[in-house]
């Protein structure tokens, strides 16, 4: 009972924090103390509870390293003119009447190529947001299009760590499963194109003047050569180089270009890596700025606390009774998928992690899929627990991109159509046995406990 109260309390305090623009770290810290009290009431020592927290917190260190590197990447690209050049050429060649649709398509393509939502948001999401901000476009709408595109690859790309994790957990061959999920993706992707086309026509870049392009050209030494750090990041991602290696290489390239093309001093460059980038242009100073290690510290703190909370749930096996009750019910295929969606949302909301949502939810529902082929189980998870965490503002899957883009942590949610359409279409398919993608089973092995 206390666990249930703790979950409700956590959800309440986090929703309250989001709606009142309060730093999420405060609410998560209070929740962590509450769960510590629950653990003590259940007879666990403070040392045992602390070990559970530390086990999961250690796993977050790699995410924190990536966040620090992304902060450095953003500031280095801003200082060297990478993002300014990207914006300058985008304004010349992107159809202003289709800008929101182009934002969705561009981020979808990049995320499919590099397989990471965080990398996609950092590489192309920032310049797209800057263009939208300068043009006065609703950043919630534009953010929704960028989120949709970024998580298209997170769900579909063979380079996606989420997809790799899912295939490992369900004993599937990666590239065989990718073929299946691409076919499953056709209808949701087409519907997203239609929705973003309508929004593009309703909110074109008509308010954009030539002043931004002119100021970019005059303030920076704009050049196609300045796109090299972004190209290097894309190529290294395609070659499956770890992001913790590819980002420093891109930053080093940006440093060299910044010194020789923008004539920035070494001290100023190092300063912006830590504290973020600023400029003195009257037009650009409120548009092109940010990044740096300092800008990521609050997000890093939230990740550490959220991973500690997820350690509490995974270590104490708090969902054993729920597993038994679900097994006793004779649920239909569509009902099982609906349960998977709901549990994925709850686990992501409490554990604040996409990975935790996948692992904990699979542990709870795997017995419900014992009569289903593993590829159908994987498809249910691709259409639920991989995507839905990005709809929860305090979850890492949403928090990090929002921090990188500098947008409100919940304004994008109504317009992230891809994150809604995929589970809805899949539910309809299972409910009415439509768009059947079964065909040849990819794997019939039983998932190991």
Protein backbone atom coordinates (compact mmCIF):
# COMPACT_ATOMS: atom_id res chain seq x y z
CA UNK A 1 0.00 0.00 0.00
CA UNK A 2 2.84 2.38 0.87
CA UNK A 3 4.42 1.69 -2.54
CA UNK A 4 1.17 2.68 -4.27
CA UNK A 5 0.98 5.87 -2.18
CA UNK A 6 4.62 6.60 -3.01
CA UNK A 7 3.96 6.25 -6.74
CA UNK A 8 0.91 8.54 -6.59
CA UNK A 9 2.84 11.05 -4.47
CA UNK A 10 5.74 11.05 -6.94
CA UNK A 11 3.45 11.56 -9.92
CA UNK A 12 1.59 14.36 -8.14
CA UNK A 13 4.68 16.27 -7.09
CA UNK A 14 6.30 15.94 -10.53
CA UNK A 15 3.17 17.07 -12.39
CA UNK A 16 2.85 19.97 -9.93
CA UNK A 17 6.49 20.93 -10.58
CA UNK A 18 6.05 20.88 -14.36
CA UNK A 19 2.83 22.91 -14.34
CA UNK A 20 4.33 25.52 -11.98
CA UNK A 21 7.73 25.64 -13.68
CA UNK A 22 9.53 24.41 -10.56
CA UNK A 23 12.89 22.66 -10.90
CA UNK A 24 12.13 18.93 -11.14
CA UNK A 25 15.12 18.06 -8.98
CA UNK A 26 13.30 19.34 -5.88
CA UNK A 27 10.30 17.06 -6.41
CA UNK A 28 12.46 14.05 -7.25
CA UNK A 29 14.58 14.58 -4.13
CA UNK A 30 11.45 14.65 -1.94
CA UNK A 31 10.22 11.47 -3.66
CA UNK A 32 13.58 9.77 -3.11
CA UNK A 33 13.37 10.55 0.63
CA UNK A 34 9.80 9.20 0.70
CA UNK A 35 10.83 5.93 -0.97
CA UNK A 36 13.76 5.67 1.46
CA UNK A 37 11.23 5.85 4.30
CA UNK A 38 9.14 3.13 2.61
CA UNK A 39 12.20 0.91 2.32
CA UNK A 40 12.99 1.36 6.00
CA UNK A 41 9.36 0.51 6.90
CA UNK A 42 9.69 -2.71 4.88
CA UNK A 43 12.66 -3.77 7.00
CA UNK A 44 15.55 -2.85 4.72
CA UNK A 45 18.59 -1.21 6.27
CA UNK A 46 19.71 2.24 5.17
CA UNK A 47 22.91 0.64 3.84
CA UNK A 48 20.93 -1.84 1.70
CA UNK A 49 18.73 0.93 0.30
CA UNK A 50 21.78 3.06 -0.38
CA UNK A 51 23.37 0.18 -2.32
CA UNK A 52 20.24 -0.13 -4.48
CA UNK A 53 20.46 3.58 -5.25
CA UNK A 54 24.17 3.38 -6.06
CA UNK A 55 23.81 0.39 -8.40
CA UNK A 56 21.47 2.32 -10.70
CA UNK A 57 23.27 5.64 -10.23
CA UNK A 58 26.47 4.06 -11.57
CA UNK A 59 24.59 3.21 -14.74
CA UNK A 60 23.68 6.88 -15.17
CA UNK A 61 27.31 8.01 -15.29
CA UNK A 62 27.54 7.29 -19.00
CA UNK A 63 24.43 9.38 -19.67
CA UNK A 64 25.89 12.21 -17.60
CA UNK A 65 29.12 12.02 -19.60
CA UNK A 66 27.11 12.22 -22.82
CA UNK A 67 25.20 15.24 -21.49
CA UNK A 68 28.42 17.04 -20.59
CA UNK A 69 29.81 16.29 -24.04
CA UNK A 70 26.58 17.52 -25.68
CA UNK A 71 26.88 20.78 -23.72
CA UNK A 72 30.41 21.19 -25.06
CA UNK A 73 29.29 20.23 -28.57
CA UNK A 74 26.53 22.85 -28.62
CA UNK A 75 28.76 25.67 -27.42
CA UNK A 76 31.59 24.70 -29.80
CA UNK A 77 29.23 24.58 -32.78
CA UNK A 78 27.74 27.94 -31.80
CA UNK A 79 31.13 29.59 -31.37
CA UNK A 80 32.72 28.21 -34.53
CA UNK A 81 29.74 29.10 -36.74
CA UNK A 82 28.61 25.53 -37.48
CA UNK A 83 25.02 26.22 -36.42
CA UNK A 84 25.04 29.69 -37.99
CA UNK A 85 26.15 28.20 -41.33
CA UNK A 86 23.50 25.48 -41.05
CA UNK A 87 20.83 28.14 -40.45
CA UNK A 88 22.12 30.37 -43.26
CA UNK A 89 21.97 27.62 -45.89
CA UNK A 90 18.70 26.22 -44.55
CA UNK A 91 17.04 29.62 -44.99
CA UNK A 92 18.21 29.65 -48.59
CA UNK A 93 17.03 26.19 -49.58
CA UNK A 94 14.20 25.09 -47.24
CA UNK A 95 10.70 25.94 -48.47
CA UNK A 96 9.33 28.43 -45.88
CA UNK A 97 5.78 27.23 -46.53
CA UNK A 98 6.75 23.68 -45.53
CA UNK A 99 9.16 24.44 -42.70
CA UNK A 100 7.48 22.38 -39.94
CA UNK A 101 7.12 19.40 -42.29
CA UNK A 102 10.77 19.79 -43.33
CA UNK A 103 11.78 19.84 -39.65
CA UNK A 104 10.02 16.49 -39.16
CA UNK A 105 11.51 14.94 -42.31
CA UNK A 106 15.05 16.22 -41.65
CA UNK A 107 15.12 14.96 -38.07
CA UNK A 108 13.58 11.64 -39.17
CA UNK A 109 16.31 11.16 -41.77
CA UNK A 110 19.14 12.08 -39.41
CA UNK A 111 17.79 9.95 -36.55
CA UNK A 112 17.47 7.00 -38.92
CA UNK A 113 21.09 7.48 -40.02
CA UNK A 114 22.66 7.92 -36.59
CA UNK A 115 20.16 6.06 -34.37
CA UNK A 116 20.12 8.49 -31.45
CA UNK A 117 17.43 10.97 -30.50
CA UNK A 118 19.85 13.00 -28.36
CA UNK A 119 22.39 13.25 -31.18
CA UNK A 120 19.69 14.23 -33.68
CA UNK A 121 18.34 16.97 -31.43
CA UNK A 122 21.85 18.31 -30.84
CA UNK A 123 22.91 18.18 -34.48
CA UNK A 124 19.88 19.55 -36.35
CA UNK A 125 17.24 20.31 -33.71
CA UNK A 126 19.04 23.38 -32.37
CA UNK A 127 19.37 25.24 -35.69
CA UNK A 128 15.76 24.39 -36.55
CA UNK A 129 14.59 25.80 -33.21
CA UNK A 130 16.70 28.93 -33.71
CA UNK A 131 15.12 29.50 -37.12
CA UNK A 132 11.65 28.98 -35.67
CA UNK A 133 12.36 31.32 -32.77
CA UNK A 134 13.59 34.05 -35.12
CA UNK A 135 10.50 33.60 -37.31
CA UNK A 136 8.09 33.68 -34.39
CA UNK A 137 6.76 30.15 -34.96
CA UNK A 138 5.12 28.41 -32.00
CA UNK A 139 8.07 26.50 -30.49
CA UNK A 140 5.73 23.88 -29.05
CA UNK A 141 4.59 22.91 -32.56
CA UNK A 142 8.12 22.95 -33.94
CA UNK A 143 9.41 21.06 -30.90
CA UNK A 144 6.74 18.41 -31.45
CA UNK A 145 7.88 17.93 -35.05
CA UNK A 146 11.51 17.62 -33.94
CA UNK A 147 10.62 15.15 -31.17
CA UNK A 148 8.61 13.06 -33.64
CA UNK A 149 11.48 12.90 -36.10
CA UNK A 150 14.10 12.23 -33.42
CA UNK A 151 12.14 9.28 -32.00
CA UNK A 152 11.37 7.91 -35.45
CA UNK A 153 15.00 6.75 -35.61
CA UNK A 154 15.08 5.80 -31.94
CA UNK A 155 12.36 3.26 -32.73
CA UNK A 156 13.38 2.24 -36.26
CA UNK A 157 17.12 2.68 -36.86
CA UNK A 158 19.37 -0.41 -36.64
CA UNK A 159 21.87 1.86 -34.83
CA UNK A 160 19.39 2.71 -32.05
CA UNK A 161 20.52 1.60 -28.59
CA UNK A 162 16.86 1.20 -27.57
CA UNK A 163 16.22 -1.15 -30.47
CA UNK A 164 19.40 -3.08 -29.74
CA UNK A 165 18.33 -3.49 -26.11
CA UNK A 166 14.87 -4.67 -27.14
CA UNK A 167 16.23 -7.22 -29.62
CA UNK A 168 18.62 -8.56 -26.99
CA UNK A 169 15.83 -8.89 -24.43
CA UNK A 170 13.53 -10.68 -26.89
CA UNK A 171 16.17 -12.82 -28.63
CA UNK A 172 15.58 -11.37 -32.11
CA UNK A 173 17.99 -10.79 -34.97
CA UNK A 174 18.33 -7.04 -35.33
CA UNK A 175 18.16 -6.54 -39.10
CA UNK A 176 15.33 -9.06 -39.57
CA UNK A 177 13.33 -7.16 -36.99
CA UNK A 178 14.19 -3.77 -38.53
CA UNK A 179 12.57 -4.89 -41.81
CA UNK A 180 9.39 -5.75 -39.92
CA UNK A 181 9.24 -2.50 -37.99
CA UNK A 182 9.83 -0.39 -41.12
CA UNK A 183 6.76 -1.98 -42.71
CA UNK A 184 4.81 -1.37 -39.50
CA UNK A 185 5.92 2.26 -39.65
CA UNK A 186 4.46 3.16 -43.05
CA UNK A 187 0.96 4.22 -41.94
CA UNK A 188 2.04 6.25 -38.84
CA UNK A 189 4.74 8.02 -40.85
CA UNK A 190 2.31 8.91 -43.65
CA UNK A 191 -0.21 10.28 -41.14
CA UNK A 192 2.51 12.40 -39.51
CA UNK A 193 3.44 13.85 -42.89
CA UNK A 194 -0.20 14.82 -43.41
CA UNK A 195 -0.52 16.47 -39.98
CA UNK A 196 2.75 18.39 -40.24
CA UNK A 197 1.89 19.48 -43.78
CA UNK A 198 -1.31 21.06 -42.48
CA UNK A 199 0.57 22.81 -39.65
CA UNK A 200 3.28 23.97 -42.07
CA UNK A 201 0.71 25.60 -44.33
CA UNK A 202 -0.98 27.19 -41.32
CA UNK A 203 2.29 28.43 -39.75
CA UNK A 204 4.72 29.21 -42.59
CA UNK A 205 7.95 31.22 -42.24
CA UNK A 206 6.33 34.26 -43.81
CA UNK A 207 7.39 36.46 -40.90
CA UNK A 208 11.05 35.68 -41.56
CA UNK A 209 12.96 38.60 -43.08
CA UNK A 210 16.37 38.71 -44.71
CA UNK A 211 17.78 40.46 -41.64
CA UNK A 212 18.70 37.16 -39.94
CA UNK A 213 20.52 35.81 -43.01
CA UNK A 214 22.33 39.09 -43.52
CA UNK A 215 23.35 39.33 -39.88
CA UNK A 216 24.60 35.74 -39.87
CA UNK A 217 26.66 36.41 -42.98
CA UNK A 218 28.09 39.65 -41.59
CA UNK A 219 28.77 38.50 -38.01
CA UNK A 220 30.21 35.06 -38.82
CA UNK A 221 32.48 33.89 -41.60
CA UNK A 222 29.77 31.64 -43.03
CA UNK A 223 31.14 28.77 -45.11
CA UNK A 224 30.21 25.28 -46.25
CA UNK A 225 33.46 24.17 -44.62
CA UNK A 226 31.91 24.98 -41.24
CA UNK A 227 29.45 22.11 -41.73
CA UNK A 228 32.40 19.69 -41.41
CA UNK A 229 32.01 19.06 -37.61
CA UNK A 230 28.35 18.06 -38.17
CA UNK A 231 29.29 15.84 -41.13
CA UNK A 232 32.00 14.18 -39.04
CA UNK A 233 29.49 13.44 -36.27
CA UNK A 234 27.02 11.90 -38.76
CA UNK A 235 29.66 9.77 -40.50
CA UNK A 236 31.12 8.48 -37.23
CA UNK A 237 27.62 7.61 -35.97
CA UNK A 238 26.88 5.67 -39.16
CA UNK A 239 30.19 3.84 -38.67
CA UNK A 240 28.93 2.89 -35.18
CA UNK A 241 31.58 4.89 -33.35
CA UNK A 242 30.44 5.48 -29.77
CA UNK A 243 28.97 8.91 -29.19
CA UNK A 244 31.43 9.44 -26.32
CA UNK A 245 34.19 9.24 -28.93
CA UNK A 246 32.51 10.93 -31.89
CA UNK A 247 31.48 14.10 -30.01
CA UNK A 248 35.01 14.97 -28.80
CA UNK A 249 36.28 14.54 -32.37
CA UNK A 250 33.57 16.89 -33.64
CA UNK A 251 34.38 19.40 -30.87
CA UNK A 252 38.08 19.27 -31.78
CA UNK A 253 37.22 19.94 -35.43
CA UNK A 254 35.01 22.87 -34.37
CA UNK A 255 37.86 24.21 -32.24
CA UNK A 256 40.26 24.21 -35.19
CA UNK A 257 37.71 25.93 -37.44
CA UNK A 258 36.87 28.44 -34.73
CA UNK A 259 40.52 29.43 -34.31
CA UNK A 260 41.32 29.75 -38.01
CA UNK A 261 38.00 30.92 -39.52
CA UNK A 262 36.23 32.87 -36.76
CA UNK A 263 39.56 33.96 -35.19
CA UNK A 264 38.39 33.12 -31.67
CA UNK A 265 41.10 32.93 -28.99
CA UNK A 266 41.83 29.63 -27.28
CA UNK A 267 40.79 31.09 -23.91
CA UNK A 268 37.42 32.29 -25.24
CA UNK A 269 36.75 28.91 -26.82
CA UNK A 270 37.55 27.02 -23.61
CA UNK A 271 35.46 29.50 -21.64
CA UNK A 272 32.41 28.89 -23.84
CA UNK A 273 32.85 25.11 -23.48
CA UNK A 274 32.30 25.52 -19.76
CA UNK A 275 29.96 28.50 -19.42
CA UNK A 276 28.22 28.54 -22.80
CA UNK A 277 28.38 30.76 -25.86
CA UNK A 278 27.28 34.40 -26.13
CA UNK A 279 27.71 37.04 -28.83
CA UNK A 280 27.49 40.82 -29.10
CA UNK A 281 25.13 41.12 -32.06
CA UNK A 282 21.93 43.05 -31.35
CA UNK A 283 19.98 40.69 -33.63
CA UNK A 284 21.66 37.38 -32.75
CA UNK A 285 22.40 37.63 -29.02
CA UNK A 286 18.92 36.47 -27.99
CA UNK A 287 18.79 33.77 -30.67
CA UNK A 288 22.22 32.15 -30.93
CA UNK A 289 23.52 31.44 -27.44
CA UNK A 290 23.77 28.68 -24.85
CA UNK A 291 25.46 25.33 -24.47
CA UNK A 292 28.36 24.66 -22.15
CA UNK A 293 28.90 22.19 -19.32
CA UNK A 294 27.20 24.43 -16.73
CA UNK A 295 23.94 24.39 -18.69
CA UNK A 296 23.67 20.61 -18.22
CA UNK A 297 24.26 20.40 -14.46
CA UNK A 298 20.59 20.59 -13.43
CA UNK A 299 19.68 17.89 -15.93
CA UNK A 300 22.55 15.73 -14.64
CA UNK A 301 21.24 16.06 -11.08
CA UNK A 302 17.74 15.01 -12.16
CA UNK A 303 19.15 11.96 -13.92
CA UNK A 304 21.12 10.87 -10.84
CA UNK A 305 18.07 11.14 -8.56
CA UNK A 306 15.72 9.48 -11.07
CA UNK A 307 18.12 6.55 -11.51
CA UNK A 308 18.24 6.15 -7.73
CA UNK A 309 14.44 5.91 -7.64
CA UNK A 310 14.46 3.32 -10.44
CA UNK A 311 17.02 1.35 -8.42
CA UNK A 312 14.53 1.19 -5.57
CA UNK A 313 11.89 -0.40 -7.81
CA UNK A 314 14.17 -2.84 -9.60
CA UNK A 315 15.91 -3.92 -6.39
CA UNK A 316 12.87 -4.54 -4.20
CA UNK A 317 10.72 -6.37 -6.81
CA UNK A 318 7.70 -4.26 -5.95
CA UNK A 319 5.59 -5.51 -8.87
CA UNK A 320 5.49 -9.26 -8.07
CA UNK A 321 1.83 -9.21 -6.96
CA UNK A 322 0.82 -7.31 -10.09
CA UNK A 323 2.50 -9.94 -12.30
CA UNK A 324 0.48 -12.70 -10.65
CA UNK A 325 -2.84 -10.83 -10.97
CA UNK A 326 -2.29 -10.02 -14.65
CA UNK A 327 -1.44 -13.66 -15.38
CA UNK A 328 -4.73 -14.79 -13.83
CA UNK A 329 -6.77 -12.63 -16.24
CA UNK A 330 -7.56 -13.95 -19.71
CA UNK A 331 -6.71 -10.77 -21.62
CA UNK A 332 -7.14 -10.30 -25.36
CA UNK A 333 -4.17 -9.32 -27.54
CA UNK A 334 -5.31 -5.71 -27.73
CA UNK A 335 -5.86 -5.61 -23.95
CA UNK A 336 -2.38 -6.99 -23.33
CA UNK A 337 -0.94 -4.26 -25.55
CA UNK A 338 -2.99 -1.64 -23.68
CA UNK A 339 -1.61 -2.95 -20.36
CA UNK A 340 1.91 -2.76 -21.84
CA UNK A 341 1.34 0.86 -22.85
CA UNK A 342 -0.03 1.85 -19.44
CA UNK A 343 2.74 0.08 -17.53
CA UNK A 344 5.35 1.58 -19.83
CA UNK A 345 4.03 5.07 -19.05
CA UNK A 346 3.89 4.42 -15.29
CA UNK A 347 7.37 2.88 -15.15
CA UNK A 348 8.80 5.73 -17.22
CA UNK A 349 6.99 8.31 -15.09
CA UNK A 350 8.27 6.87 -11.81
CA UNK A 351 11.65 5.56 -12.98
CA UNK A 352 12.23 8.57 -15.28
CA UNK A 353 14.09 6.42 -17.79
CA UNK A 354 13.27 4.85 -21.15
CA UNK A 355 15.55 1.91 -20.37
CA UNK A 356 13.87 1.31 -17.00
CA UNK A 357 10.45 1.51 -18.69
CA UNK A 358 11.46 -1.19 -21.18
CA UNK A 359 13.13 -3.55 -18.68
CA UNK A 360 10.59 -3.27 -15.83
CA UNK A 361 7.57 -3.45 -18.13
CA UNK A 362 8.96 -6.49 -19.95
CA UNK A 363 9.59 -8.21 -16.63
CA UNK A 364 5.96 -7.62 -15.59
CA UNK A 365 4.18 -8.63 -18.82
CA UNK A 366 6.45 -11.23 -20.45
CA UNK A 367 4.32 -14.13 -19.17
CA UNK A 368 1.28 -12.63 -20.92
CA UNK A 369 3.07 -13.12 -24.25
CA UNK A 370 3.99 -16.79 -23.80
CA UNK A 371 1.67 -17.79 -26.68
CA UNK A 372 2.92 -14.99 -28.96
CA UNK A 373 6.03 -15.02 -31.18
CA UNK A 374 8.85 -12.86 -29.89
CA UNK A 375 8.66 -10.47 -32.82
CA UNK A 376 5.08 -9.59 -31.86
CA UNK A 377 6.19 -8.95 -28.28
CA UNK A 378 9.02 -6.75 -29.54
CA UNK A 379 6.63 -4.88 -31.83
CA UNK A 380 4.32 -4.14 -28.90
CA UNK A 381 7.27 -2.66 -27.00
CA UNK A 382 8.52 -0.70 -30.00
CA UNK A 383 5.08 0.86 -30.18
CA UNK A 384 4.82 1.60 -26.45
CA UNK A 385 7.70 1.67 -23.96
CA UNK A 386 10.26 2.97 -26.47
CA UNK A 387 8.09 5.95 -27.45
CA UNK A 388 5.84 6.89 -24.54
CA UNK A 389 8.67 7.98 -22.15
CA UNK A 390 9.27 10.92 -24.51
CA UNK A 391 5.78 12.20 -23.57
CA UNK A 392 6.68 12.49 -19.88
CA UNK A 393 8.34 15.88 -19.20
CA UNK A 394 10.50 14.71 -16.29
CA UNK A 395 11.64 11.50 -18.00
CA UNK A 396 15.19 11.54 -19.42
CA UNK A 397 13.79 10.83 -22.90
CA UNK A 398 11.97 14.20 -22.82
CA UNK A 399 14.06 16.16 -20.34
CA UNK A 400 17.35 15.97 -22.24
CA UNK A 401 15.99 17.05 -25.66
CA UNK A 402 14.04 19.90 -24.01
CA UNK A 403 17.20 21.03 -22.22
CA UNK A 404 19.18 20.91 -25.47
CA UNK A 405 16.51 22.71 -27.48
CA UNK A 406 15.74 25.23 -24.75
CA UNK A 407 11.97 24.75 -25.01
CA UNK A 408 9.28 24.38 -22.35
CA UNK A 409 9.27 20.87 -20.90
CA UNK A 410 5.65 20.17 -21.86
CA UNK A 411 4.73 22.59 -24.68
CA UNK A 412 5.77 20.09 -27.39
CA UNK A 413 3.60 17.22 -26.11
CA UNK A 414 0.32 17.99 -27.97
CA UNK A 415 2.22 18.26 -31.27
CA UNK A 416 4.53 15.22 -31.04
CA UNK A 417 2.11 13.31 -33.28
CA UNK A 418 4.39 10.37 -34.03
CA UNK A 419 4.51 9.46 -30.34
CA UNK A 420 0.70 9.20 -30.29
CA UNK A 421 -0.07 7.81 -33.72
CA UNK A 422 2.20 4.77 -33.51
CA UNK A 423 0.55 3.19 -30.42
CA UNK A 424 -2.95 4.16 -31.60
CA UNK A 425 -2.50 2.56 -35.04
CA UNK A 426 -0.95 -0.53 -33.46
CA UNK A 427 -3.83 -0.86 -30.98
CA UNK A 428 -6.36 -0.64 -33.83
CA UNK A 429 -4.41 -3.28 -35.76
CA UNK A 430 -4.52 -5.67 -32.81
CA UNK A 431 -8.11 -4.88 -31.86
CA UNK A 432 -9.54 -5.49 -35.32
CA UNK A 433 -6.76 -7.71 -36.72
CA UNK A 434 -5.89 -5.11 -39.37
CA UNK A 435 -2.57 -4.37 -41.11
CA UNK A 436 -1.34 -7.80 -40.02
CA UNK A 437 2.46 -7.78 -40.12
CA UNK A 438 3.06 -11.26 -38.77
CA UNK A 439 4.09 -13.16 -41.86
CA UNK A 440 7.07 -15.36 -41.10
CA UNK A 441 7.96 -15.44 -37.44
CA UNK A 442 11.41 -14.02 -36.77
CA UNK A 443 12.04 -16.07 -33.67
CA UNK A 444 10.14 -18.67 -31.67
CA UNK A 445 12.48 -19.04 -28.71
CA UNK A 446 11.06 -18.49 -25.24
CA UNK A 447 12.39 -15.39 -23.51
CA UNK A 448 14.79 -16.31 -20.78
CA UNK A 449 13.80 -15.37 -17.26
